[in-house]
PDB file of N, CA and C in Angstrom:
ATOM      1  N   MET A   1      15.275   0.108  92.750  1.00  0.00           N
ATOM      2  CA  MET A   1      12.656   0.137  92.489  1.00  0.00           C
ATOM      3  C   MET A   1      13.522  -0.034  90.191  1.00  0.00           C
ATOM      4  N   ASP A   2      13.378  -0.298  89.872  1.00  0.00           N
ATOM      5  CA  ASP A   2      13.210  -0.710  88.512  1.00  0.00           C
ATOM      6  C   ASP A   2      12.310   0.576  87.276  1.00  0.00           C
ATOM      7  N   ASP A   3      12.779   1.290  86.798  1.00  0.00           N
ATOM      8  CA  ASP A   3      12.333   2.019  86.110  1.00  0.00           C
ATOM      9  C   ASP A   3      11.530   2.313  85.065  1.00  0.00           C
ATOM     10  N   ARG A   4      11.806   0.705  84.689  1.00  0.00           N
ATOM     11  CA  ARG A   4      10.457  -0.048  84.036  1.00  0.00           C
ATOM     12  C   ARG A   4       9.442  -0.347  84.151  1.00  0.00           C
ATOM     13  N   ARG A   5       9.679  -0.466  85.336  1.00  0.00           N
ATOM     14  CA  ARG A   5       8.569  -0.515  85.635  1.00  0.00           C
ATOM     15  C   ARG A   5       7.608  -0.174  86.777  1.00  0.00           C
ATOM     16  N   VAL A   6       8.232   1.249  86.679  1.00  0.00           N
ATOM     17  CA  VAL A   6       7.705   2.402  87.238  1.00  0.00           C
ATOM     18  C   VAL A   6       6.770   2.968  86.107  1.00  0.00           C
ATOM     19  N   LEU A   7       7.663   2.840  84.667  1.00  0.00           N
ATOM     20  CA  LEU A   7       6.870   3.534  83.646  1.00  0.00           C
ATOM     21  C   LEU A   7       5.967   2.491  83.199  1.00  0.00           C
ATOM     22  N   LEU A   8       6.082   1.909  82.911  1.00  0.00           N
ATOM     23  CA  LEU A   8       5.069   0.897  82.674  1.00  0.00           C
ATOM     24  C   LEU A   8       3.773   0.827  83.832  1.00  0.00           C
ATOM     25  N   ARG A   9       3.767   1.076  84.657  1.00  0.00           N
ATOM     26  CA  ARG A   9       3.013   1.256  85.580  1.00  0.00           C
ATOM     27  C   ARG A   9       2.462   3.128  85.420  1.00  0.00           C
ATOM     28  N   MET A  10       3.004   4.127  85.132  1.00  0.00           N
ATOM     29  CA  MET A  10       2.337   4.988  84.914  1.00  0.00           C
ATOM     30  C   MET A  10       2.039   5.397  83.344  1.00  0.00           C
ATOM     31  N   LEU A  11       2.207   4.913  82.617  1.00  0.00           N
ATOM     32  CA  LEU A  11       1.718   4.683  81.262  1.00  0.00           C
ATOM     33  C   LEU A  11       0.398   4.179  81.373  1.00  0.00           C
ATOM     34  N   GLN A  12       0.630   2.938  82.586  1.00  0.00           N
ATOM     35  CA  GLN A  12      -1.310   2.035  81.897  1.00  0.00           C
ATOM     36  C   GLN A  12      -2.633   3.143  83.163  1.00  0.00           C
ATOM     37  N   ALA A  13      -1.640   4.446  83.645  1.00  0.00           N
ATOM     38  CA  ALA A  13      -2.283   4.904  84.763  1.00  0.00           C
ATOM     39  C   ALA A  13      -2.864   6.069  83.395  1.00  0.00           C
ATOM     40  N   LEU A  14      -2.363   6.616  82.678  1.00  0.00           N
ATOM     41  CA  LEU A  14      -2.199   7.330  81.833  1.00  0.00           C
ATOM     42  C   LEU A  14      -3.692   6.437  80.810  1.00  0.00           C
ATOM     43  N   LEU A  15      -2.958   5.789  79.992  1.00  0.00           N
ATOM     44  CA  LEU A  15      -4.379   5.130  79.572  1.00  0.00           C
ATOM     45  C   LEU A  15      -6.079   6.016  80.212  1.00  0.00           C
ATOM     46  N   ARG A  16      -5.732   4.950  81.387  1.00  0.00           N
ATOM     47  CA  ARG A  16      -7.435   4.726  82.694  1.00  0.00           C
ATOM     48  C   ARG A  16      -7.064   6.428  82.367  1.00  0.00           C
ATOM     49  N   ASP A  17      -6.225   6.926  82.750  1.00  0.00           N
ATOM     50  CA  ASP A  17      -7.253   8.250  82.818  1.00  0.00           C
ATOM     51  C   ASP A  17      -7.978   8.829  81.143  1.00  0.00           C
ATOM     52  N   ILE A  18      -7.006   8.179  80.287  1.00  0.00           N
ATOM     53  CA  ILE A  18      -7.676   8.791  79.442  1.00  0.00           C
ATOM     54  C   ILE A  18      -8.983   8.643  77.863  1.00  0.00           C
ATOM     55  N   GLN A  19      -8.576   7.381  79.134  1.00  0.00           N
ATOM     56  CA  GLN A  19     -10.355   6.786  79.250  1.00  0.00           C
ATOM     57  C   GLN A  19     -11.406   6.831  79.462  1.00  0.00           C
ATOM     58  N   ASN A  20     -11.135   7.638  81.067  1.00  0.00           N
ATOM     59  CA  ASN A  20     -11.952   8.234  82.242  1.00  0.00           C
ATOM     60  C   ASN A  20     -13.281   9.567  81.273  1.00  0.00           C
ATOM     61  N   ILE A  21     -12.168  10.066  80.653  1.00  0.00           N
ATOM     62  CA  ILE A  21     -11.921  11.534  79.834  1.00  0.00           C
ATOM     63  C   ILE A  21     -12.678  11.161  78.919  1.00  0.00           C
ATOM     64  N   SER A  22     -12.359  10.492  78.034  1.00  0.00           N
ATOM     65  CA  SER A  22     -12.567  10.109  77.190  1.00  0.00           C
ATOM     66  C   SER A  22     -14.770   9.648  76.509  1.00  0.00           C
ATOM     67  N   GLN A  23     -14.811   8.834  78.291  1.00  0.00           N
ATOM     68  CA  GLN A  23     -15.945   8.604  78.334  1.00  0.00           C
ATOM     69  C   GLN A  23     -17.267   9.862  78.532  1.00  0.00           C
ATOM     70  N   ARG A  24     -16.228  10.970  78.966  1.00  0.00           N
ATOM     71  CA  ARG A  24     -17.274  11.538  78.945  1.00  0.00           C
ATOM     72  C   ARG A  24     -16.958  13.127  78.559  1.00  0.00           C
ATOM     73  N   GLY A  25     -16.969  12.904  76.839  1.00  0.00           N
ATOM     74  CA  GLY A  25     -16.549  13.780  75.728  1.00  0.00           C
ATOM     75  C   GLY A  25     -15.506  14.212  75.990  1.00  0.00           C
ATOM     76  N   ALA A  26     -13.931  13.456  75.764  1.00  0.00           N
ATOM     77  CA  ALA A  26     -12.805  14.074  76.150  1.00  0.00           C
ATOM     78  C   ALA A  26     -13.168  15.111  74.881  1.00  0.00           C
ATOM     79  N   GLY A  27     -13.703  14.779  73.801  1.00  0.00           N
ATOM     80  CA  GLY A  27     -13.572  16.486  72.349  1.00  0.00           C
ATOM     81  C   GLY A  27     -14.226  17.793  72.937  1.00  0.00           C
ATOM     82  N   TYR A  28     -14.195  17.476  74.340  1.00  0.00           N
ATOM     83  CA  TYR A  28     -14.990  18.774  74.569  1.00  0.00           C
ATOM     84  C   TYR A  28     -13.738  19.474  76.029  1.00  0.00           C
ATOM     85  N   TYR A  29     -12.913  18.641  76.315  1.00  0.00           N
ATOM     86  CA  TYR A  29     -11.509  18.619  77.105  1.00  0.00           C
ATOM     87  C   TYR A  29     -10.647  19.627  75.886  1.00  0.00           C
ATOM     88  N   THR A  30      -9.696  19.809  77.373  1.00  0.00           N
ATOM     89  CA  THR A  30      -8.126  19.519  76.847  1.00  0.00           C
ATOM     90  C   THR A  30      -7.492  18.468  76.459  1.00  0.00           C
ATOM     91  N   ASN A  31      -7.133  18.475  75.757  1.00  0.00           N
ATOM     92  CA  ASN A  31      -6.292  16.767  75.256  1.00  0.00           C
ATOM     93  C   ASN A  31      -4.153  17.407  75.689  1.00  0.00           C
ATOM     94  N   SER A  32      -3.856  18.459  76.258  1.00  0.00           N
ATOM     95  CA  SER A  32      -2.613  18.996  75.931  1.00  0.00           C
ATOM     96  C   SER A  32      -1.802  18.382  77.671  1.00  0.00           C
ATOM     97  N   PRO A  33      -2.918  18.173  79.296  1.00  0.00           N
ATOM     98  CA  PRO A  33      -1.728  17.397  79.967  1.00  0.00           C
ATOM     99  C   PRO A  33      -1.604  16.034  79.567  1.00  0.00           C
ATOM    100  N   PHE A  34      -2.307  15.175  78.571  1.00  0.00           N
ATOM    101  CA  PHE A  34      -2.266  13.774  78.335  1.00  0.00           C
ATOM    102  C   PHE A  34      -0.591  14.016  77.304  1.00  0.00           C
ATOM    103  N   ILE A  35      -0.698  14.551  76.838  1.00  0.00           N
ATOM    104  CA  ILE A  35       0.011  14.726  75.334  1.00  0.00           C
ATOM    105  C   ILE A  35       1.770  15.038  76.014  1.00  0.00           C
ATOM    106  N   ASP A  36       0.991  16.531  77.279  1.00  0.00           N
ATOM    107  CA  ASP A  36       3.065  17.012  78.374  1.00  0.00           C
ATOM    108  C   ASP A  36       2.585  15.468  78.818  1.00  0.00           C
ATOM    109  N   ARG A  37       1.653  14.997  79.719  1.00  0.00           N
ATOM    110  CA  ARG A  37       2.356  13.662  80.359  1.00  0.00           C
ATOM    111  C   ARG A  37       3.124  12.217  79.556  1.00  0.00           C
ATOM    112  N   TYR A  38       2.208  12.283  78.906  1.00  0.00           N
ATOM    113  CA  TYR A  38       3.232  11.257  77.501  1.00  0.00           C
ATOM    114  C   TYR A  38       4.167  11.660  76.918  1.00  0.00           C
ATOM    115  N   ASN A  39       4.363  12.744  76.593  1.00  0.00           N
ATOM    116  CA  ASN A  39       5.983  13.183  76.496  1.00  0.00           C
ATOM    117  C   ASN A  39       6.795  13.033  77.267  1.00  0.00           C
ATOM    118  N   ARG A  40       7.208  13.605  78.311  1.00  0.00           N
ATOM    119  CA  ARG A  40       7.333  13.553  79.986  1.00  0.00           C
ATOM    120  C   ARG A  40       8.104  11.677  79.842  1.00  0.00           C
ATOM    121  N   LEU A  41       7.117  11.349  80.221  1.00  0.00           N
ATOM    122  CA  LEU A  41       7.148   9.600  79.987  1.00  0.00           C
ATOM    123  C   LEU A  41       7.983   9.467  79.578  1.00  0.00           C
ATOM    124  N   LEU A  42       7.722   9.844  77.844  1.00  0.00           N
ATOM    125  CA  LEU A  42       8.551   8.905  76.565  1.00  0.00           C
ATOM    126  C   LEU A  42       9.810   8.711  76.528  1.00  0.00           C
ATOM    127  N   GLU A  43      10.433  10.752  77.415  1.00  0.00           N
ATOM    128  CA  GLU A  43      11.714  11.342  77.837  1.00  0.00           C
ATOM    129  C   GLU A  43      12.385  10.298  77.969  1.00  0.00           C
ATOM    130  N   VAL A  44      11.697   9.647  79.823  1.00  0.00           N
ATOM    131  CA  VAL A  44      12.304   8.940  80.615  1.00  0.00           C
ATOM    132  C   VAL A  44      12.657   8.060  80.309  1.00  0.00           C
ATOM    133  N   ALA A  45      11.461   7.321  78.914  1.00  0.00           N
ATOM    134  CA  ALA A  45      11.920   6.055  78.785  1.00  0.00           C
ATOM    135  C   ALA A  45      12.974   6.373  78.075  1.00  0.00           C
ATOM    136  N   LYS A  46      13.019   6.915  77.032  1.00  0.00           N
ATOM    137  CA  LYS A  46      14.289   7.162  75.921  1.00  0.00           C
ATOM    138  C   LYS A  46      15.508   6.771  77.107  1.00  0.00           C
ATOM    139  N   SER A  47      15.890   7.091  78.231  1.00  0.00           N
ATOM    140  CA  SER A  47      17.178   8.250  78.858  1.00  0.00           C
ATOM    141  C   SER A  47      17.547   6.506  79.891  1.00  0.00           C
ATOM    142  N   SER A  48      16.126   6.188  79.717  1.00  0.00           N
ATOM    143  CA  SER A  48      16.679   5.554  81.476  1.00  0.00           C
ATOM    144  C   SER A  48      17.344   3.636  79.487  1.00  0.00           C
ATOM    145  N   MET A  49      16.257   3.638  79.056  1.00  0.00           N
ATOM    146  CA  MET A  49      16.183   2.544  78.243  1.00  0.00           C
ATOM    147  C   MET A  49      16.537   2.956  76.963  1.00  0.00           C
ATOM    148  N   THR A  50      18.040   3.907  76.830  1.00  0.00           N
ATOM    149  CA  THR A  50      18.472   3.975  76.005  1.00  0.00           C
ATOM    150  C   THR A  50      19.882   2.627  75.622  1.00  0.00           C
ATOM    151  N   GLY A  51      19.847   2.299  74.160  1.00  0.00           N
ATOM    152  CA  GLY A  51      20.786   1.909  73.425  1.00  0.00           C
ATOM    153  C   GLY A  51      19.780  -0.093  73.473  1.00  0.00           C
ATOM    154  N   GLN A  52      18.771  -0.334  74.326  1.00  0.00           N
ATOM    155  CA  GLN A  52      18.147  -1.650  73.943  1.00  0.00           C
ATOM    156  C   GLN A  52      17.478  -1.838  73.417  1.00  0.00           C
ATOM    157  N   SER A  53      17.077  -0.942  72.050  1.00  0.00           N
ATOM    158  CA  SER A  53      16.380  -1.610  71.526  1.00  0.00           C
ATOM    159  C   SER A  53      16.356  -0.476  70.422  1.00  0.00           C
ATOM    160  N   GLU A  54      15.902  -0.918  68.510  1.00  0.00           N
ATOM    161  CA  GLU A  54      16.048   0.388  67.548  1.00  0.00           C
ATOM    162  C   GLU A  54      14.171   0.611  67.425  1.00  0.00           C
ATOM    163  N   PHE A  55      13.943  -0.419  68.162  1.00  0.00           N
ATOM    164  CA  PHE A  55      12.404   0.107  68.176  1.00  0.00           C
ATOM    165  C   PHE A  55      11.971   1.652  68.844  1.00  0.00           C
ATOM    166  N   LEU A  56      12.907   1.667  69.713  1.00  0.00           N
ATOM    167  CA  LEU A  56      12.595   2.662  71.026  1.00  0.00           C
ATOM    168  C   LEU A  56      13.022   4.137  70.035  1.00  0.00           C
ATOM    169  N   LYS A  57      13.569   4.420  68.974  1.00  0.00           N
ATOM    170  CA  LYS A  57      14.013   5.893  68.774  1.00  0.00           C
ATOM    171  C   LYS A  57      12.741   5.789  68.089  1.00  0.00           C
ATOM    172  N   THR A  58      11.713   4.314  67.521  1.00  0.00           N
ATOM    173  CA  THR A  58      10.245   4.694  66.804  1.00  0.00           C
ATOM    174  C   THR A  58       9.441   6.417  67.167  1.00  0.00           C
ATOM    175  N   PHE A  59       9.077   6.252  68.810  1.00  0.00           N
ATOM    176  CA  PHE A  59       8.651   6.523  69.832  1.00  0.00           C
ATOM    177  C   PHE A  59       9.184   8.243  69.308  1.00  0.00           C
ATOM    178  N   VAL A  60       8.368   9.005  69.219  1.00  0.00           N
ATOM    179  CA  VAL A  60       9.055   9.956  68.749  1.00  0.00           C
ATOM    180  C   VAL A  60       7.271  11.455  70.032  1.00  0.00           C
ATOM    181  N   PRO A  61       7.903  12.479  70.507  1.00  0.00           N
ATOM    182  CA  PRO A  61       7.234  13.572  71.465  1.00  0.00           C
ATOM    183  C   PRO A  61       5.792  13.565  70.245  1.00  0.00           C
ATOM    184  N   LEU A  62       4.795  13.923  71.104  1.00  0.00           N
ATOM    185  CA  LEU A  62       3.239  14.265  70.083  1.00  0.00           C
ATOM    186  C   LEU A  62       3.326  15.692  70.620  1.00  0.00           C
ATOM    187  N   GLU A  63       2.271  16.471  69.748  1.00  0.00           N
ATOM    188  CA  GLU A  63       2.177  17.418  69.714  1.00  0.00           C
ATOM    189  C   GLU A  63       0.599  17.272  69.826  1.00  0.00           C
ATOM    190  N   GLY A  64       0.146  18.643  70.667  1.00  0.00           N
ATOM    191  CA  GLY A  64      -1.474  19.157  70.375  1.00  0.00           C
ATOM    192  C   GLY A  64      -2.113  19.456  69.050  1.00  0.00           C
ATOM    193  N   THR A  65      -3.418  20.655  69.466  1.00  0.00           N
ATOM    194  CA  THR A  65      -4.036  21.229  68.179  1.00  0.00           C
ATOM    195  C   THR A  65      -4.590  21.532  69.265  1.00  0.00           C
ATOM    196  N   SER A  66      -4.420  23.318  68.585  1.00  0.00           N
ATOM    197  CA  SER A  66      -5.700  24.598  69.030  1.00  0.00           C
ATOM    198  C   SER A  66      -6.204  24.780  68.177  1.00  0.00           C
ATOM    199  N   SER A  67      -7.172  23.813  67.824  1.00  0.00           N
ATOM    200  CA  SER A  67      -8.088  24.177  67.292  1.00  0.00           C
ATOM    201  C   SER A  67      -8.976  23.154  68.478  1.00  0.00           C
ATOM    202  N   VAL A  68     -10.883  23.556  68.485  1.00  0.00           N
ATOM    203  CA  VAL A  68     -11.210  24.158  68.962  1.00  0.00           C
ATOM    204  C   VAL A  68     -12.401  23.084  68.340  1.00  0.00           C
ATOM    205  N   ASP A  69     -12.479  23.029  67.255  1.00  0.00           N
ATOM    206  CA  ASP A  69     -12.847  21.560  67.430  1.00  0.00           C
ATOM    207  C   ASP A  69     -13.131  20.007  67.758  1.00  0.00           C
ATOM    208  N   PRO A  70     -13.838  19.815  68.439  1.00  0.00           N
ATOM    209  CA  PRO A  70     -13.665  18.494  69.181  1.00  0.00           C
ATOM    210  C   PRO A  70     -13.052  17.064  68.182  1.00  0.00           C
ATOM    211  N   ALA A  71     -13.909  17.063  67.282  1.00  0.00           N
ATOM    212  CA  ALA A  71     -13.542  16.376  66.818  1.00  0.00           C
ATOM    213  C   ALA A  71     -11.904  15.843  65.683  1.00  0.00           C
ATOM    214  N   ASP A  72     -11.392  16.996  66.002  1.00  0.00           N
ATOM    215  CA  ASP A  72      -9.205  17.475  66.435  1.00  0.00           C
ATOM    216  C   ASP A  72      -8.886  17.116  67.483  1.00  0.00           C
ATOM    217  N   LYS A  73      -9.519  17.499  68.769  1.00  0.00           N
ATOM    218  CA  LYS A  73      -9.080  17.255  69.834  1.00  0.00           C
ATOM    219  C   LYS A  73      -9.533  16.248  69.964  1.00  0.00           C
ATOM    220  N   MET A  74     -10.259  14.596  69.623  1.00  0.00           N
ATOM    221  CA  MET A  74     -10.452  13.851  69.846  1.00  0.00           C
ATOM    222  C   MET A  74      -9.640  12.633  69.173  1.00  0.00           C
ATOM    223  N   LYS A  75      -8.978  13.445  67.496  1.00  0.00           N
ATOM    224  CA  LYS A  75      -7.630  12.616  67.073  1.00  0.00           C
ATOM    225  C   LYS A  75      -6.761  12.800  67.796  1.00  0.00           C
ATOM    226  N   VAL A  76      -5.817  13.953  68.582  1.00  0.00           N
ATOM    227  CA  VAL A  76      -5.179  14.166  68.760  1.00  0.00           C
ATOM    228  C   VAL A  76      -4.888  13.389  70.246  1.00  0.00           C
ATOM    229  N   THR A  77      -6.271  12.686  70.582  1.00  0.00           N
ATOM    230  CA  THR A  77      -6.445  12.424  72.037  1.00  0.00           C
ATOM    231  C   THR A  77      -6.257  10.573  71.722  1.00  0.00           C
ATOM    232  N   GLN A  78      -6.825  10.272  70.534  1.00  0.00           N
ATOM    233  CA  GLN A  78      -6.292   8.712  70.100  1.00  0.00           C
ATOM    234  C   GLN A  78      -5.096   8.468  69.601  1.00  0.00           C
ATOM    235  N   ARG A  79      -4.797   9.190  69.342  1.00  0.00           N
ATOM    236  CA  ARG A  79      -2.857   9.270  68.736  1.00  0.00           C
ATOM    237  C   ARG A  79      -1.996   9.023  70.044  1.00  0.00           C
ATOM    238  N   VAL A  80      -2.575   9.868  71.080  1.00  0.00           N
ATOM    239  CA  VAL A  80      -1.365   9.653  73.095  1.00  0.00           C
ATOM    240  C   VAL A  80      -1.932   7.869  73.350  1.00  0.00           C
ATOM    241  N   VAL A  81      -3.796   7.866  72.733  1.00  0.00           N
ATOM    242  CA  VAL A  81      -4.168   6.272  73.365  1.00  0.00           C
ATOM    243  C   VAL A  81      -3.226   5.321  72.120  1.00  0.00           C
ATOM    244  N   VAL A  82      -2.546   5.996  71.522  1.00  0.00           N
ATOM    245  CA  VAL A  82      -2.058   4.576  70.264  1.00  0.00           C
ATOM    246  C   VAL A  82      -0.506   4.518  70.556  1.00  0.00           C
ATOM    247  N   GLU A  83       0.089   5.944  70.878  1.00  0.00           N
ATOM    248  CA  GLU A  83       1.353   5.230  70.756  1.00  0.00           C
ATOM    249  C   GLU A  83       1.400   5.086  72.472  1.00  0.00           C
ATOM    250  N   ALA A  84       1.554   5.336  73.782  1.00  0.00           N
ATOM    251  CA  ALA A  84       0.976   5.296  75.198  1.00  0.00           C
ATOM    252  C   ALA A  84       1.002   3.162  75.276  1.00  0.00           C
ATOM    253  N   GLY A  85      -0.115   2.928  74.374  1.00  0.00           N
ATOM    254  CA  GLY A  85      -0.485   1.124  74.444  1.00  0.00           C
ATOM    255  C   GLY A  85       0.490   0.713  73.187  1.00  0.00           C
ATOM    256  N   GLN A  86       1.372   1.060  72.459  1.00  0.00           N
ATOM    257  CA  GLN A  86       2.771   1.174  72.256  1.00  0.00           C
ATOM    258  C   GLN A  86       3.819   1.137  72.814  1.00  0.00           C
ATOM    259  N   LEU A  87       3.854   1.508  73.655  1.00  0.00           N
ATOM    260  CA  LEU A  87       5.254   1.622  74.682  1.00  0.00           C
ATOM    261  C   LEU A  87       4.642   1.092  75.343  1.00  0.00           C
ATOM    262  N   ILE A  88       3.710   1.399  76.274  1.00  0.00           N
ATOM    263  CA  ILE A  88       3.665  -0.143  77.198  1.00  0.00           C
ATOM    264  C   ILE A  88       4.068  -1.366  76.868  1.00  0.00           C
ATOM    265  N   ALA A  89       3.714  -1.634  75.751  1.00  0.00           N
ATOM    266  CA  ALA A  89       4.033  -3.260  75.005  1.00  0.00           C
ATOM    267  C   ALA A  89       5.232  -3.414  74.836  1.00  0.00           C
ATOM    268  N   PHE A  90       6.257  -1.820  74.805  1.00  0.00           N
ATOM    269  CA  PHE A  90       7.595  -2.098  74.623  1.00  0.00           C
ATOM    270  C   PHE A  90       8.691  -2.250  75.625  1.00  0.00           C
ATOM    271  N   VAL A  91       7.647  -1.737  76.777  1.00  0.00           N
ATOM    272  CA  VAL A  91       8.605  -2.213  78.311  1.00  0.00           C
ATOM    273  C   VAL A  91       8.135  -3.174  78.681  1.00  0.00           C
ATOM    274  N   GLU A  92       6.360  -3.935  78.311  1.00  0.00           N
ATOM    275  CA  GLU A  92       6.524  -4.822  79.012  1.00  0.00           C
ATOM    276  C   GLU A  92       7.676  -5.955  78.597  1.00  0.00           C
ATOM    277  N   GLU A  93       7.684  -5.666  77.498  1.00  0.00           N
ATOM    278  CA  GLU A  93       8.483  -7.166  76.140  1.00  0.00           C
ATOM    279  C   GLU A  93      10.008  -6.776  77.151  1.00  0.00           C
ATOM    280  N   SER A  94      10.375  -5.860  76.836  1.00  0.00           N
ATOM    281  CA  SER A  94      11.459  -5.275  77.903  1.00  0.00           C
ATOM    282  C   SER A  94      11.450  -5.690  79.317  1.00  0.00           C
ATOM    283  N   LEU A  95      10.754  -5.945  80.146  1.00  0.00           N
ATOM    284  CA  LEU A  95      11.159  -5.941  81.552  1.00  0.00           C
ATOM    285  C   LEU A  95      10.822  -8.521  81.307  1.00  0.00           C
ATOM    286  N   ALA A  96      10.019  -8.728  80.220  1.00  0.00           N
ATOM    287  CA  ALA A  96      10.541  -9.995  80.244  1.00  0.00           C
ATOM    288  C   ALA A  96      11.957 -10.086  80.041  1.00  0.00           C
ATOM    289  N   ASP A  97      12.134  -9.768  78.299  1.00  0.00           N
ATOM    290  CA  ASP A  97      13.798  -9.746  78.622  1.00  0.00           C
ATOM    291  C   ASP A  97      14.746 -10.204  79.894  1.00  0.00           C
ATOM    292  N   ALA A  98      13.558  -8.865  80.335  1.00  0.00           N
ATOM    293  CA  ALA A  98      15.041  -8.416  81.243  1.00  0.00           C
ATOM    294  C   ALA A  98      15.692  -9.664  82.581  1.00  0.00           C
ATOM    295  N   ALA A  99      13.772 -10.293  82.908  1.00  0.00           N
ATOM    296  CA  ALA A  99      13.686 -11.587  83.023  1.00  0.00           C
ATOM    297  C   ALA A  99      14.435 -13.095  82.900  1.00  0.00           C
ATOM    298  N   GLY A 100      14.383 -13.055  81.542  1.00  0.00           N
ATOM    299  CA  GLY A 100      14.800 -13.990  80.987  1.00  0.00           C
ATOM    300  C   GLY A 100      16.408 -14.019  81.162  1.00  0.00           C
ATOM    301  N   GLU A 101      16.990 -13.155  80.778  1.00  0.00           N
ATOM    302  CA  GLU A 101      18.191 -12.527  81.329  1.00  0.00           C
ATOM    303  C   GLU A 101      18.501 -13.378  82.852  1.00  0.00           C
ATOM    304  N   ALA A 102      18.036 -13.108  83.516  1.00  0.00           N
ATOM    305  CA  ALA A 102      18.215 -12.858  85.135  1.00  0.00           C
ATOM    306  C   ALA A 102      17.499 -14.679  84.986  1.00  0.00           C
ATOM    307  N   GLU A 103      17.093 -15.462  84.426  1.00  0.00           N
ATOM    308  CA  GLU A 103      17.073 -16.586  84.764  1.00  0.00           C
ATOM    309  C   GLU A 103      17.383 -16.891  84.047  1.00  0.00           C
ATOM    310  N   SER A 104      18.299 -16.959  83.230  1.00  0.00           N
ATOM    311  CA  SER A 104      18.918 -18.489  82.452  1.00  0.00           C
ATOM    312  C   SER A 104      20.767 -17.575  83.311  1.00  0.00           C
ATOM    313  N   LEU A 105      20.827 -16.117  84.113  1.00  0.00           N
ATOM    314  CA  LEU A 105      21.510 -16.334  84.469  1.00  0.00           C
ATOM    315  C   LEU A 105      22.121 -17.432  84.930  1.00  0.00           C
ATOM    316  N   LYS A 106      20.824 -16.879  86.498  1.00  0.00           N
ATOM    317  CA  LYS A 106      20.456 -18.415  87.466  1.00  0.00           C
ATOM    318  C   LYS A 106      20.735 -19.279  87.411  1.00  0.00           C
ATOM    319  N   THR A 107      20.427 -19.839  86.245  1.00  0.00           N
ATOM    320  CA  THR A 107      20.213 -21.173  85.819  1.00  0.00           C
ATOM    321  C   THR A 107      21.255 -21.906  85.925  1.00  0.00           C
ATOM    322  N   LYS A 108      22.807 -20.868  84.869  1.00  0.00           N
ATOM    323  CA  LYS A 108      23.863 -21.215  84.589  1.00  0.00           C
ATOM    324  C   LYS A 108      24.964 -21.082  85.451  1.00  0.00           C
ATOM    325  N   ARG A 109      24.290 -20.039  87.118  1.00  0.00           N
ATOM    326  CA  ARG A 109      24.830 -20.507  88.015  1.00  0.00           C
ATOM    327  C   ARG A 109      25.046 -21.327  89.431  1.00  0.00           C
ATOM    328  N   GLN A 110      23.846 -22.105  88.698  1.00  0.00           N
ATOM    329  CA  GLN A 110      23.770 -23.318  90.147  1.00  0.00           C
ATOM    330  C   GLN A 110      24.273 -24.397  88.753  1.00  0.00           C
ATOM    331  N   LYS A 111      24.394 -24.254  87.561  1.00  0.00           N
ATOM    332  CA  LYS A 111      24.990 -25.881  87.198  1.00  0.00           C
ATOM    333  C   LYS A 111      26.438 -25.991  87.535  1.00  0.00           C
ATOM    334  N   LYS A 112      27.331 -24.202  87.618  1.00  0.00           N
ATOM    335  CA  LYS A 112      28.379 -24.645  87.943  1.00  0.00           C
ATOM    336  C   LYS A 112      28.609 -25.022  89.414  1.00  0.00           C
TER     337      LYS A 112
END
């Protein structure tokens, strides 16, 4: 099992879950489950893809808000959406690079 593929699917599911809650008025709900899940997935990404790219260092754990103001909660939720989307793009590119390298090795072997 490729951890990157699992990570990608879980990040995509996180975004869907956030969108579902947002349509129901995310500002009125707690956003801590999304922040917790994002931070755990980020930790997995950093531990499983160490040394693959300097871009991975640009991702940092997110913090929630203690505010009860729906606008503040929505801002935090939007940050999770943006960061998760960027991490999805990173993982997708990582998978594409790995597929390209595998194809290149296969082609080299066939030429021998």
